[in-house]
Structures are given as C-alpha cells and as structure tokens.
Amino acid sequence: IVLKERMLLSEILHCLLEVDDRKLFLKLGFSSLFEYCTQELGYSEASAYRRIQSMRLLKALGPQQGNGIEDKLKEGSLNLSHLSMAETFFRHKENKEKKPYNTHEKKELLKSLENTSTRECQRKLASQTENPNVYIKRKDHVETLDQENLRLSITIDQETLDLIQRFKELTAHQNPY
C-alpha cells in the first residue's frame, strides 16, 4: 500500500505540473496553484506547499533528471520534505546569494539527502549556506495554543539534544509522557 501511495505521489506531482504549466487553476477560478491545492484539492497549507515545491524541483531538473528523483520518491529514499527543503535551498542560493546550482550539482545534493531524517536534511542544507536560519530556525518562539496552553520552541545544539534524550530515557519509568 505504501508503494502505491508513493507511485500516486509521483502522479500527483505530474498532474500539478500540468495544472501549473497550463495555468488550469485560473480557468477553474483560482488565483494561484496554492489556492487551488488548498481550496479545491483540500490539502492543508503545509501539504500544498510541499507538493508545489517538490513539483517545481522536478520541473527545474527536467523530465530526464526528474525521473531519477521520481524513482527515489517511489522507493522512499527521498520524500516531499526532502524535495521541498531542497527547492527552498536552491531558490535561496540562486535568488539571495546569487550562487546558481547546475543540474548535476542539484542531483548530487539530492543524492546526499537520500535516506536522511528531516533534521539531518535541515542540517546538511544549513551547513552549505551563509544563512542557515533559512533551514534551522535560530530564535526562541512562544505560540499561544489556547487560553491555558503555550508552545515554547527553542534552538539548541546537538550535544544539548543528546543530553535531553538521555535524561528522557533515564526518567521514562517515572514519567512515561
């Protein structure tokens, strides 16, 4: 079933590419592909964004190179998060830092992202840019969830994360949550 899902994902990206190339979303009354994906197809904003970014990367690599990426999607060594973050990375490098990547370099970077977690992917991309904040948020952030609850996010280094993980392992019997 997972293999079917991955194959469908590839088909969905191709359909989105066709809708984008032919601007079919305009004929259907939507002002953007993003609006079409969220309002007509029912994707969440994050899901729509990842699919559009992934589709753009496939488009940028061209049909022949894109097929290699599709194979990686189908086998599961790359996923939407990898492709979306890579597209953001390439766009940032090309637009902000004026450092374009050629097709071969893009494929090599994507190859290095294969079989990595989202965090590992973020770290690899952040290590190759002058502005790592694009990939790893570096500020504290408090978000209100409801009247009683807040979400605090902080940035820590790997050593601190390892210590927290070790602490959780040692105290899991006392606090399973």
Foldseek 3Di string as FASTA:
>chain_A
DVLVVLLVLVVVLVVLLVCVVVVVVVVVPDPDSLCCCCPVVPDDSVVSLLSVQLSVQLVLLPDVLSVVVSVLSSVVQDHSLLSNVLSLLQCCCCPPVVHHDDNVRSVVLSVVSTNDDSVVSLVSSLVPDPDSCSRPPAAWDWADDDPPDIDIDHDDDPVVVVVVVVVCVVCCVVPVD
